[in-house]
N, C-alpha and C. Protein backbone atom coordinates (compact mmCIF):
# COMPACT_ATOMS: atom_id res chain seq x y z
N MET A 1 18.51 -15.15 11.02
CA MET A 1 17.34 -14.89 10.20
C MET A 1 17.64 -15.33 8.77
N ARG A 2 16.68 -15.99 8.17
CA ARG A 2 16.83 -16.48 6.79
C ARG A 2 15.89 -15.68 5.89
N ILE A 3 16.47 -15.09 4.82
CA ILE A 3 15.68 -14.28 3.89
C ILE A 3 15.77 -14.90 2.50
N LEU A 4 14.62 -15.24 1.95
CA LEU A 4 14.53 -15.71 0.56
C LEU A 4 14.48 -14.49 -0.34
N THR A 5 15.38 -14.43 -1.33
CA THR A 5 15.42 -13.30 -2.24
C THR A 5 15.35 -13.80 -3.68
N PHE A 6 14.59 -13.09 -4.51
CA PHE A 6 14.54 -13.43 -5.93
C PHE A 6 14.02 -12.26 -6.74
N ALA A 7 14.35 -12.30 -8.02
CA ALA A 7 13.88 -11.28 -8.95
C ALA A 7 12.67 -11.81 -9.70
N GLY A 8 11.74 -10.92 -10.02
CA GLY A 8 10.57 -11.29 -10.79
C GLY A 8 10.85 -11.37 -12.27
N SER A 9 12.06 -11.08 -12.66
CA SER A 9 12.47 -11.13 -14.06
C SER A 9 13.35 -12.35 -14.27
N LEU A 10 13.21 -12.99 -15.41
CA LEU A 10 14.04 -14.14 -15.74
C LEU A 10 15.31 -13.73 -16.49
N ARG A 11 15.34 -12.56 -17.06
CA ARG A 11 16.46 -12.12 -17.89
C ARG A 11 17.72 -11.97 -17.05
N ALA A 12 18.80 -12.59 -17.49
CA ALA A 12 20.06 -12.60 -16.73
C ALA A 12 20.58 -11.19 -16.44
N GLY A 13 20.47 -10.28 -17.39
CA GLY A 13 21.00 -8.94 -17.19
C GLY A 13 19.97 -7.92 -16.76
N SER A 14 18.89 -8.37 -16.16
CA SER A 14 17.80 -7.45 -15.82
C SER A 14 18.22 -6.44 -14.74
N PHE A 15 17.61 -5.27 -14.80
CA PHE A 15 17.86 -4.24 -13.80
C PHE A 15 17.43 -4.73 -12.42
N ASN A 16 16.40 -5.55 -12.37
CA ASN A 16 15.92 -6.03 -11.08
C ASN A 16 16.85 -7.06 -10.46
N ARG A 17 17.55 -7.82 -11.26
CA ARG A 17 18.59 -8.70 -10.72
C ARG A 17 19.73 -7.86 -10.16
N LYS A 18 20.08 -6.77 -10.84
CA LYS A 18 21.11 -5.87 -10.32
C LYS A 18 20.66 -5.25 -9.00
N LEU A 19 19.41 -4.80 -8.95
CA LEU A 19 18.87 -4.23 -7.72
C LEU A 19 18.87 -5.27 -6.61
N LEU A 20 18.46 -6.48 -6.93
CA LEU A 20 18.45 -7.56 -5.94
C LEU A 20 19.86 -7.79 -5.40
N ASN A 21 20.86 -7.79 -6.27
CA ASN A 21 22.24 -7.99 -5.83
C ASN A 21 22.69 -6.89 -4.87
N VAL A 22 22.28 -5.65 -5.14
CA VAL A 22 22.62 -4.54 -4.23
C VAL A 22 21.98 -4.79 -2.87
N ALA A 23 20.72 -5.18 -2.86
CA ALA A 23 20.02 -5.44 -1.60
C ALA A 23 20.64 -6.63 -0.86
N VAL A 24 20.98 -7.67 -1.59
CA VAL A 24 21.58 -8.87 -0.96
C VAL A 24 22.90 -8.50 -0.30
N GLU A 25 23.71 -7.66 -0.94
CA GLU A 25 24.98 -7.24 -0.33
C GLU A 25 24.73 -6.45 0.95
N THR A 26 23.65 -5.68 0.98
CA THR A 26 23.28 -4.92 2.18
C THR A 26 22.89 -5.87 3.31
N LEU A 27 22.22 -6.96 2.97
CA LEU A 27 21.69 -7.88 3.98
C LEU A 27 22.66 -8.99 4.38
N ARG A 28 23.59 -9.32 3.51
CA ARG A 28 24.40 -10.53 3.67
C ARG A 28 25.07 -10.67 5.03
N SER A 29 25.59 -9.61 5.59
CA SER A 29 26.28 -9.71 6.88
C SER A 29 25.31 -9.80 8.07
N ARG A 30 24.04 -9.58 7.82
CA ARG A 30 23.07 -9.56 8.93
C ARG A 30 22.01 -10.65 8.84
N ALA A 31 22.07 -11.46 7.78
CA ALA A 31 21.06 -12.52 7.62
C ALA A 31 21.62 -13.63 6.74
N ASP A 32 21.02 -14.79 6.85
CA ASP A 32 21.32 -15.91 5.96
C ASP A 32 20.48 -15.70 4.71
N ILE A 33 21.12 -15.56 3.56
CA ILE A 33 20.43 -15.24 2.32
C ILE A 33 20.25 -16.49 1.47
N ASP A 34 19.01 -16.73 1.06
CA ASP A 34 18.69 -17.79 0.10
C ASP A 34 18.38 -17.07 -1.21
N LEU A 35 19.36 -17.03 -2.10
CA LEU A 35 19.23 -16.32 -3.38
C LEU A 35 18.69 -17.29 -4.42
N LEU A 36 17.45 -17.08 -4.82
CA LEU A 36 16.75 -17.97 -5.74
C LEU A 36 16.66 -17.33 -7.12
N ASP A 37 16.82 -18.14 -8.13
CA ASP A 37 16.54 -17.76 -9.50
C ASP A 37 15.27 -18.52 -9.87
N LEU A 38 14.23 -17.83 -10.28
CA LEU A 38 12.96 -18.51 -10.59
C LEU A 38 13.12 -19.60 -11.63
N ARG A 39 14.16 -19.52 -12.44
CA ARG A 39 14.40 -20.59 -13.42
C ARG A 39 14.76 -21.91 -12.73
N GLU A 40 15.27 -21.84 -11.49
CA GLU A 40 15.62 -23.05 -10.74
C GLU A 40 14.37 -23.85 -10.34
N VAL A 41 13.25 -23.17 -10.29
CA VAL A 41 11.99 -23.81 -9.86
C VAL A 41 10.95 -23.65 -10.97
N ALA A 42 11.36 -23.95 -12.18
CA ALA A 42 10.49 -23.77 -13.35
C ALA A 42 9.17 -24.52 -13.17
N MET A 43 8.11 -23.88 -13.59
CA MET A 43 6.76 -24.44 -13.47
C MET A 43 6.00 -24.19 -14.76
N PRO A 44 5.11 -25.10 -15.12
CA PRO A 44 4.26 -24.82 -16.28
C PRO A 44 3.28 -23.71 -15.92
N LEU A 45 2.62 -23.16 -16.93
CA LEU A 45 1.56 -22.18 -16.64
C LEU A 45 0.52 -22.85 -15.76
N TYR A 46 0.02 -22.08 -14.77
CA TYR A 46 -0.95 -22.68 -13.85
C TYR A 46 -2.18 -23.14 -14.64
N ASP A 47 -2.59 -24.36 -14.35
CA ASP A 47 -3.75 -24.97 -15.00
C ASP A 47 -4.39 -25.89 -13.97
N GLY A 48 -5.60 -25.56 -13.56
CA GLY A 48 -6.30 -26.36 -12.57
C GLY A 48 -6.49 -27.81 -12.97
N ASP A 49 -6.69 -28.06 -14.27
CA ASP A 49 -6.82 -29.44 -14.75
C ASP A 49 -5.51 -30.20 -14.57
N LEU A 50 -4.40 -29.55 -14.89
CA LEU A 50 -3.08 -30.16 -14.70
C LEU A 50 -2.83 -30.45 -13.22
N GLU A 51 -3.19 -29.49 -12.37
CA GLU A 51 -3.00 -29.68 -10.93
C GLU A 51 -3.83 -30.86 -10.44
N GLU A 52 -5.07 -30.96 -10.89
CA GLU A 52 -5.94 -32.06 -10.46
C GLU A 52 -5.39 -33.41 -10.94
N LYS A 53 -4.87 -33.43 -12.14
CA LYS A 53 -4.38 -34.67 -12.73
C LYS A 53 -3.02 -35.10 -12.15
N GLU A 54 -2.10 -34.13 -11.98
CA GLU A 54 -0.72 -34.46 -11.61
C GLU A 54 -0.26 -33.90 -10.28
N GLY A 55 -1.07 -33.05 -9.65
CA GLY A 55 -0.64 -32.41 -8.41
C GLY A 55 0.31 -31.25 -8.71
N LEU A 56 0.97 -30.79 -7.67
CA LEU A 56 1.90 -29.67 -7.85
C LEU A 56 3.13 -30.13 -8.60
N PRO A 57 3.59 -29.33 -9.57
CA PRO A 57 4.85 -29.68 -10.24
C PRO A 57 6.01 -29.60 -9.25
N GLU A 58 7.08 -30.30 -9.56
CA GLU A 58 8.25 -30.34 -8.68
C GLU A 58 8.78 -28.94 -8.39
N GLY A 59 8.84 -28.07 -9.40
CA GLY A 59 9.31 -26.69 -9.19
C GLY A 59 8.47 -25.95 -8.16
N ALA A 60 7.16 -26.13 -8.20
CA ALA A 60 6.28 -25.48 -7.24
C ALA A 60 6.50 -26.02 -5.84
N ARG A 61 6.72 -27.32 -5.71
CA ARG A 61 6.99 -27.90 -4.38
C ARG A 61 8.30 -27.35 -3.81
N ARG A 62 9.32 -27.25 -4.66
CA ARG A 62 10.61 -26.71 -4.19
C ARG A 62 10.48 -25.23 -3.82
N PHE A 63 9.72 -24.47 -4.62
CA PHE A 63 9.51 -23.05 -4.33
C PHE A 63 8.76 -22.89 -3.01
N LYS A 64 7.71 -23.66 -2.81
CA LYS A 64 6.95 -23.59 -1.56
C LYS A 64 7.84 -23.91 -0.36
N ALA A 65 8.70 -24.91 -0.50
CA ALA A 65 9.58 -25.30 0.60
C ALA A 65 10.56 -24.17 0.95
N ARG A 66 11.07 -23.49 -0.05
CA ARG A 66 12.01 -22.41 0.21
C ARG A 66 11.31 -21.21 0.84
N ILE A 67 10.08 -20.95 0.44
CA ILE A 67 9.30 -19.88 1.08
C ILE A 67 9.05 -20.25 2.54
N ALA A 68 8.61 -21.48 2.76
CA ALA A 68 8.30 -21.93 4.13
C ALA A 68 9.53 -21.87 5.03
N ALA A 69 10.71 -22.12 4.50
CA ALA A 69 11.94 -22.13 5.30
C ALA A 69 12.44 -20.72 5.63
N ALA A 70 11.90 -19.72 4.97
CA ALA A 70 12.38 -18.34 5.15
C ALA A 70 11.62 -17.64 6.27
N ASP A 71 12.31 -16.72 6.93
CA ASP A 71 11.66 -15.84 7.90
C ASP A 71 11.08 -14.61 7.21
N ALA A 72 11.67 -14.25 6.07
CA ALA A 72 11.24 -13.07 5.33
C ALA A 72 11.57 -13.28 3.85
N ILE A 73 10.98 -12.43 3.02
CA ILE A 73 11.15 -12.53 1.57
C ILE A 73 11.46 -11.15 1.02
N LEU A 74 12.39 -11.09 0.07
CA LEU A 74 12.67 -9.87 -0.67
C LEU A 74 12.51 -10.17 -2.14
N ILE A 75 11.66 -9.40 -2.81
CA ILE A 75 11.40 -9.58 -4.24
C ILE A 75 11.72 -8.27 -4.95
N ALA A 76 12.53 -8.35 -6.00
CA ALA A 76 12.78 -7.21 -6.88
C ALA A 76 12.10 -7.52 -8.20
N THR A 77 11.10 -6.73 -8.53
CA THR A 77 10.30 -7.05 -9.72
C THR A 77 10.17 -5.89 -10.68
N PRO A 78 10.25 -6.19 -11.96
CA PRO A 78 9.91 -5.16 -12.94
C PRO A 78 8.39 -5.06 -13.06
N GLU A 79 7.94 -4.15 -13.88
CA GLU A 79 6.52 -4.14 -14.22
C GLU A 79 6.41 -4.41 -15.71
N TYR A 80 5.50 -5.28 -16.04
CA TYR A 80 5.22 -5.58 -17.44
C TYR A 80 3.81 -5.09 -17.72
N ASN A 81 3.68 -4.18 -18.65
CA ASN A 81 2.36 -3.62 -18.99
C ASN A 81 1.64 -3.10 -17.76
N ASN A 82 2.38 -2.37 -16.92
CA ASN A 82 1.84 -1.75 -15.70
C ASN A 82 1.41 -2.75 -14.65
N SER A 83 1.92 -3.97 -14.69
CA SER A 83 1.47 -4.98 -13.74
C SER A 83 2.59 -5.98 -13.44
N VAL A 84 2.18 -7.17 -13.01
CA VAL A 84 3.08 -8.22 -12.55
C VAL A 84 3.66 -8.99 -13.74
N PRO A 85 4.96 -9.27 -13.73
CA PRO A 85 5.52 -10.13 -14.77
C PRO A 85 4.89 -11.52 -14.71
N GLY A 86 4.60 -12.09 -15.87
CA GLY A 86 3.94 -13.40 -15.93
C GLY A 86 4.64 -14.49 -15.14
N PRO A 87 5.97 -14.65 -15.26
CA PRO A 87 6.63 -15.72 -14.51
C PRO A 87 6.47 -15.58 -12.99
N LEU A 88 6.51 -14.35 -12.50
CA LEU A 88 6.34 -14.13 -11.06
C LEU A 88 4.92 -14.46 -10.63
N LYS A 89 3.95 -13.99 -11.37
CA LYS A 89 2.55 -14.27 -11.04
C LYS A 89 2.28 -15.77 -11.08
N ASN A 90 2.82 -16.45 -12.07
CA ASN A 90 2.63 -17.89 -12.19
C ASN A 90 3.24 -18.63 -11.00
N ALA A 91 4.44 -18.22 -10.60
CA ALA A 91 5.10 -18.86 -9.45
C ALA A 91 4.29 -18.65 -8.18
N ILE A 92 3.77 -17.44 -7.98
CA ILE A 92 2.94 -17.17 -6.80
C ILE A 92 1.67 -18.00 -6.85
N ASP A 93 1.04 -18.09 -8.02
CA ASP A 93 -0.18 -18.88 -8.15
C ASP A 93 0.05 -20.33 -7.78
N TRP A 94 1.12 -20.94 -8.29
CA TRP A 94 1.40 -22.34 -7.96
C TRP A 94 1.73 -22.50 -6.47
N ALA A 95 2.56 -21.60 -5.94
CA ALA A 95 3.00 -21.73 -4.55
C ALA A 95 1.86 -21.56 -3.55
N SER A 96 0.83 -20.83 -3.93
CA SER A 96 -0.25 -20.56 -2.99
C SER A 96 -1.37 -21.60 -3.03
N ARG A 97 -1.19 -22.64 -3.81
CA ARG A 97 -2.23 -23.68 -3.90
C ARG A 97 -2.35 -24.44 -2.60
N PRO A 98 -3.60 -24.83 -2.23
CA PRO A 98 -3.81 -25.60 -1.01
C PRO A 98 -3.05 -26.92 -1.06
N PRO A 99 -2.79 -27.50 0.07
CA PRO A 99 -3.44 -27.26 1.34
C PRO A 99 -2.80 -26.17 2.19
N ASP A 100 -1.60 -25.71 1.88
CA ASP A 100 -0.99 -24.69 2.72
C ASP A 100 -0.61 -23.48 1.88
N ASN A 101 -0.49 -22.35 2.53
CA ASN A 101 -0.12 -21.10 1.90
C ASN A 101 1.17 -20.63 2.55
N PRO A 102 2.33 -20.82 1.92
CA PRO A 102 3.59 -20.47 2.57
C PRO A 102 3.81 -18.97 2.73
N PHE A 103 3.01 -18.15 2.06
CA PHE A 103 3.15 -16.70 2.18
C PHE A 103 2.51 -16.16 3.46
N LYS A 104 1.61 -16.92 4.05
CA LYS A 104 0.86 -16.44 5.22
C LYS A 104 1.82 -16.10 6.36
N GLY A 105 1.75 -14.84 6.79
CA GLY A 105 2.56 -14.38 7.90
C GLY A 105 4.00 -14.04 7.56
N LYS A 106 4.42 -14.21 6.32
CA LYS A 106 5.80 -13.89 5.93
C LYS A 106 5.94 -12.39 5.74
N VAL A 107 7.02 -11.84 6.26
CA VAL A 107 7.33 -10.43 6.05
C VAL A 107 7.98 -10.30 4.68
N VAL A 108 7.49 -9.35 3.88
CA VAL A 108 7.97 -9.20 2.51
C VAL A 108 8.36 -7.76 2.24
N LEU A 109 9.52 -7.59 1.60
CA LEU A 109 9.96 -6.30 1.09
C LEU A 109 9.92 -6.39 -0.43
N LEU A 110 9.29 -5.40 -1.05
CA LEU A 110 9.20 -5.34 -2.51
C LEU A 110 10.05 -4.20 -3.04
N MET A 111 10.77 -4.50 -4.10
CA MET A 111 11.58 -3.49 -4.77
C MET A 111 11.33 -3.59 -6.27
N GLY A 112 11.67 -2.53 -6.99
CA GLY A 112 11.52 -2.57 -8.43
C GLY A 112 12.41 -1.55 -9.11
N ALA A 113 12.89 -1.92 -10.27
CA ALA A 113 13.71 -1.03 -11.09
C ALA A 113 13.14 -1.02 -12.50
N SER A 114 13.14 0.16 -13.09
CA SER A 114 12.57 0.32 -14.42
C SER A 114 13.29 1.44 -15.15
N PRO A 115 13.43 1.34 -16.47
CA PRO A 115 14.02 2.44 -17.21
C PRO A 115 13.11 3.68 -17.24
N GLY A 116 11.86 3.51 -16.89
CA GLY A 116 10.92 4.63 -16.86
C GLY A 116 11.12 5.49 -15.62
N GLN A 117 10.31 6.52 -15.51
CA GLN A 117 10.47 7.48 -14.41
C GLN A 117 9.81 7.07 -13.11
N PHE A 118 9.07 5.95 -13.11
CA PHE A 118 8.35 5.57 -11.90
C PHE A 118 8.98 4.41 -11.14
N GLY A 119 10.06 3.83 -11.64
CA GLY A 119 10.76 2.80 -10.90
C GLY A 119 9.97 1.54 -10.65
N ALA A 120 9.14 1.13 -11.59
CA ALA A 120 8.34 -0.10 -11.50
C ALA A 120 7.29 -0.07 -10.39
N VAL A 121 6.90 1.11 -9.98
CA VAL A 121 5.96 1.22 -8.85
C VAL A 121 4.64 0.50 -9.13
N ARG A 122 4.15 0.55 -10.35
CA ARG A 122 2.87 -0.11 -10.63
C ARG A 122 2.99 -1.62 -10.52
N GLY A 123 4.09 -2.19 -10.98
CA GLY A 123 4.32 -3.62 -10.82
C GLY A 123 4.45 -4.01 -9.37
N VAL A 124 5.19 -3.20 -8.61
CA VAL A 124 5.37 -3.46 -7.18
C VAL A 124 4.02 -3.40 -6.46
N LEU A 125 3.21 -2.41 -6.78
CA LEU A 125 1.90 -2.30 -6.13
C LEU A 125 0.99 -3.48 -6.50
N ALA A 126 1.09 -3.96 -7.73
CA ALA A 126 0.29 -5.12 -8.12
C ALA A 126 0.72 -6.37 -7.35
N VAL A 127 2.02 -6.55 -7.17
CA VAL A 127 2.51 -7.68 -6.37
C VAL A 127 2.08 -7.53 -4.92
N ARG A 128 2.13 -6.31 -4.40
CA ARG A 128 1.69 -6.03 -3.03
C ARG A 128 0.23 -6.48 -2.84
N LEU A 129 -0.61 -6.14 -3.79
CA LEU A 129 -2.02 -6.51 -3.72
C LEU A 129 -2.20 -8.03 -3.64
N ILE A 130 -1.46 -8.75 -4.48
CA ILE A 130 -1.56 -10.22 -4.50
C ILE A 130 -1.07 -10.81 -3.17
N LEU A 131 0.10 -10.37 -2.71
CA LEU A 131 0.67 -10.94 -1.49
C LEU A 131 -0.15 -10.59 -0.25
N THR A 132 -0.74 -9.40 -0.24
CA THR A 132 -1.61 -9.03 0.87
C THR A 132 -2.83 -9.95 0.92
N ALA A 133 -3.36 -10.28 -0.25
CA ALA A 133 -4.50 -11.21 -0.30
C ALA A 133 -4.11 -12.60 0.19
N LEU A 134 -2.82 -12.93 0.11
CA LEU A 134 -2.33 -14.23 0.58
C LEU A 134 -1.86 -14.17 2.03
N SER A 135 -2.18 -13.07 2.72
CA SER A 135 -1.88 -12.87 4.14
C SER A 135 -0.40 -12.71 4.44
N ALA A 136 0.38 -12.26 3.46
CA ALA A 136 1.76 -11.88 3.72
C ALA A 136 1.75 -10.51 4.40
N ILE A 137 2.80 -10.21 5.11
CA ILE A 137 2.95 -8.91 5.76
C ILE A 137 3.92 -8.10 4.90
N VAL A 138 3.37 -7.31 4.00
CA VAL A 138 4.18 -6.53 3.07
C VAL A 138 4.48 -5.19 3.72
N ILE A 139 5.75 -4.95 4.00
CA ILE A 139 6.10 -3.70 4.69
C ILE A 139 5.90 -2.51 3.76
N PRO A 140 5.61 -1.34 4.33
CA PRO A 140 5.35 -0.17 3.49
C PRO A 140 6.56 0.31 2.70
N GLN A 141 7.77 0.15 3.25
CA GLN A 141 8.96 0.62 2.56
C GLN A 141 9.15 -0.14 1.25
N MET A 142 9.68 0.57 0.26
CA MET A 142 9.97 -0.04 -1.03
C MET A 142 11.30 0.52 -1.51
N GLY A 143 11.96 -0.21 -2.36
CA GLY A 143 13.14 0.30 -3.03
C GLY A 143 12.79 0.44 -4.50
N LEU A 144 12.58 1.66 -4.95
CA LEU A 144 12.17 1.90 -6.33
C LEU A 144 13.26 2.67 -7.06
N ILE A 145 13.74 2.12 -8.15
CA ILE A 145 14.83 2.73 -8.91
C ILE A 145 14.33 3.13 -10.30
N PRO A 146 14.03 4.42 -10.50
CA PRO A 146 13.66 4.88 -11.84
C PRO A 146 14.90 5.04 -12.71
N ARG A 147 14.68 5.14 -14.01
CA ARG A 147 15.77 5.32 -14.97
C ARG A 147 16.90 4.32 -14.72
N ALA A 148 16.48 3.07 -14.52
CA ALA A 148 17.42 2.01 -14.15
C ALA A 148 18.48 1.78 -15.22
N ASP A 149 18.20 2.14 -16.44
CA ASP A 149 19.19 1.98 -17.50
C ASP A 149 20.40 2.89 -17.30
N GLN A 150 20.27 3.87 -16.41
CA GLN A 150 21.36 4.79 -16.09
C GLN A 150 21.78 4.71 -14.62
N ALA A 151 21.10 3.89 -13.83
CA ALA A 151 21.28 3.91 -12.38
C ALA A 151 22.46 3.08 -11.86
N PHE A 152 22.92 2.10 -12.64
CA PHE A 152 23.96 1.19 -12.17
C PHE A 152 25.27 1.44 -12.89
N ASP A 153 26.37 1.28 -12.15
CA ASP A 153 27.68 1.41 -12.79
C ASP A 153 28.07 0.07 -13.42
N GLU A 154 29.26 -0.01 -14.00
CA GLU A 154 29.72 -1.23 -14.68
C GLU A 154 29.77 -2.44 -13.75
N ALA A 155 30.03 -2.21 -12.47
CA ALA A 155 30.12 -3.30 -11.49
C ALA A 155 28.75 -3.71 -10.95
N GLY A 156 27.68 -2.98 -11.34
CA GLY A 156 26.33 -3.31 -10.87
C GLY A 156 25.92 -2.57 -9.62
N ALA A 157 26.75 -1.65 -9.14
CA ALA A 157 26.40 -0.85 -7.95
C ALA A 157 25.53 0.34 -8.37
N LEU A 158 24.71 0.79 -7.46
CA LEU A 158 23.91 1.99 -7.72
C LEU A 158 24.81 3.22 -7.68
N LYS A 159 24.69 4.07 -8.67
CA LYS A 159 25.52 5.27 -8.75
C LYS A 159 25.09 6.34 -7.74
N ASP A 160 23.79 6.49 -7.58
CA ASP A 160 23.24 7.58 -6.76
C ASP A 160 23.23 7.20 -5.28
N PRO A 161 23.88 7.98 -4.43
CA PRO A 161 23.88 7.69 -2.99
C PRO A 161 22.47 7.67 -2.38
N LYS A 162 21.57 8.50 -2.90
CA LYS A 162 20.19 8.52 -2.38
C LYS A 162 19.50 7.19 -2.68
N SER A 163 19.73 6.64 -3.86
CA SER A 163 19.15 5.34 -4.20
C SER A 163 19.72 4.24 -3.33
N ARG A 164 21.05 4.24 -3.13
CA ARG A 164 21.68 3.25 -2.24
C ARG A 164 21.11 3.36 -0.83
N ASN A 165 20.95 4.58 -0.36
CA ASN A 165 20.41 4.81 0.98
C ASN A 165 18.97 4.30 1.08
N GLN A 166 18.18 4.51 0.05
CA GLN A 166 16.80 4.02 0.03
C GLN A 166 16.77 2.50 0.15
N VAL A 167 17.62 1.81 -0.60
CA VAL A 167 17.70 0.35 -0.54
C VAL A 167 18.15 -0.10 0.84
N GLU A 168 19.17 0.55 1.39
CA GLU A 168 19.68 0.18 2.72
C GLU A 168 18.61 0.36 3.80
N LYS A 169 17.89 1.46 3.74
CA LYS A 169 16.82 1.71 4.73
C LYS A 169 15.69 0.70 4.60
N ALA A 170 15.32 0.37 3.38
CA ALA A 170 14.26 -0.62 3.18
C ALA A 170 14.70 -1.99 3.70
N CYS A 171 15.94 -2.36 3.44
CA CYS A 171 16.46 -3.65 3.93
C CYS A 171 16.52 -3.67 5.45
N ALA A 172 16.92 -2.56 6.05
CA ALA A 172 16.97 -2.47 7.52
C ALA A 172 15.57 -2.63 8.10
N GLU A 173 14.58 -2.06 7.45
CA GLU A 173 13.20 -2.19 7.93
C GLU A 173 12.71 -3.62 7.79
N LEU A 174 13.07 -4.28 6.70
CA LEU A 174 12.72 -5.70 6.55
C LEU A 174 13.28 -6.50 7.71
N LEU A 175 14.54 -6.30 8.02
CA LEU A 175 15.17 -7.02 9.13
C LEU A 175 14.49 -6.70 10.47
N ARG A 176 14.20 -5.42 10.69
CA ARG A 176 13.57 -5.00 11.95
C ARG A 176 12.20 -5.66 12.13
N VAL A 177 11.37 -5.59 11.10
CA VAL A 177 10.01 -6.13 11.22
C VAL A 177 10.06 -7.65 11.33
N ALA A 178 10.88 -8.28 10.51
CA ALA A 178 10.97 -9.75 10.57
C ALA A 178 11.47 -10.21 11.93
N ALA A 179 12.45 -9.51 12.50
CA ALA A 179 12.97 -9.88 13.82
C ALA A 179 11.90 -9.71 14.89
N ALA A 180 11.15 -8.63 14.78
CA ALA A 180 10.09 -8.38 15.78
C ALA A 180 9.00 -9.45 15.71
N LEU A 181 8.70 -9.91 14.51
CA LEU A 181 7.62 -10.88 14.35
C LEU A 181 8.06 -12.33 14.56
N THR A 182 9.36 -12.60 14.47
CA THR A 182 9.83 -13.97 14.68
C THR A 182 10.40 -14.18 16.08
N ALA A 183 10.58 -13.09 16.83
CA ALA A 183 11.11 -13.21 18.19
C ALA A 183 10.05 -13.85 19.08
N PRO A 184 10.50 -14.69 20.01
CA PRO A 184 9.53 -15.28 20.94
C PRO A 184 8.92 -14.18 21.80
N GLY A 185 7.63 -14.26 21.95
CA GLY A 185 6.92 -13.27 22.74
C GLY A 185 7.00 -13.60 24.22
N PRO A 186 6.49 -12.70 25.05
CA PRO A 186 6.48 -12.97 26.49
C PRO A 186 5.56 -14.15 26.79
N GLU A 187 5.90 -14.83 27.82
CA GLU A 187 5.09 -15.97 28.21
C GLU A 187 3.72 -15.49 28.67
N ALA A 188 2.72 -16.20 28.27
CA ALA A 188 1.35 -15.84 28.66
C ALA A 188 1.17 -16.06 30.16
N PRO A 189 0.41 -15.18 30.81
CA PRO A 189 0.16 -15.38 32.24
C PRO A 189 -0.62 -16.68 32.47
N ARG A 190 -0.35 -17.29 33.60
CA ARG A 190 -1.02 -18.55 33.92
C ARG A 190 -2.18 -18.35 34.83
């Protein structure tokens, strides 16, 4: 199974990159991990006139290809102003442009870390709304880490066993659902 993973934050030291690393370590022995940095697939702000004139930017084409090659997706996102970070929303907007929608039918796990008490839940829910509209299968489980400024040790591991357990359970559910949906079904009766 191949899982595309990325953080919705561009900041190198972001809490969500730390959370993503914890999740990737949980998944690494059970799946092929494609760890993406959104900076690798840089895209201009979405502009329909630019798209009409030049087509999809190279970064958007590469991002779409990596989504299409994945069986599942894991996104760790902060919330900016109670919603989706601009770079993440922009990447989703470009990647979902016709003629194909690489998010359709992809199993997605959303996680979020925030220094606040809600663990980026509003940002995660906003991303859930967008991906659901794009026909992704967003699993109900989430990994939400409140007070993220205190949640990680010097090595980037989660200090709280309950938080680690929450991430592990969410990752296990991602694997379970993705395996169930990518497994060949029974042959249709003739």
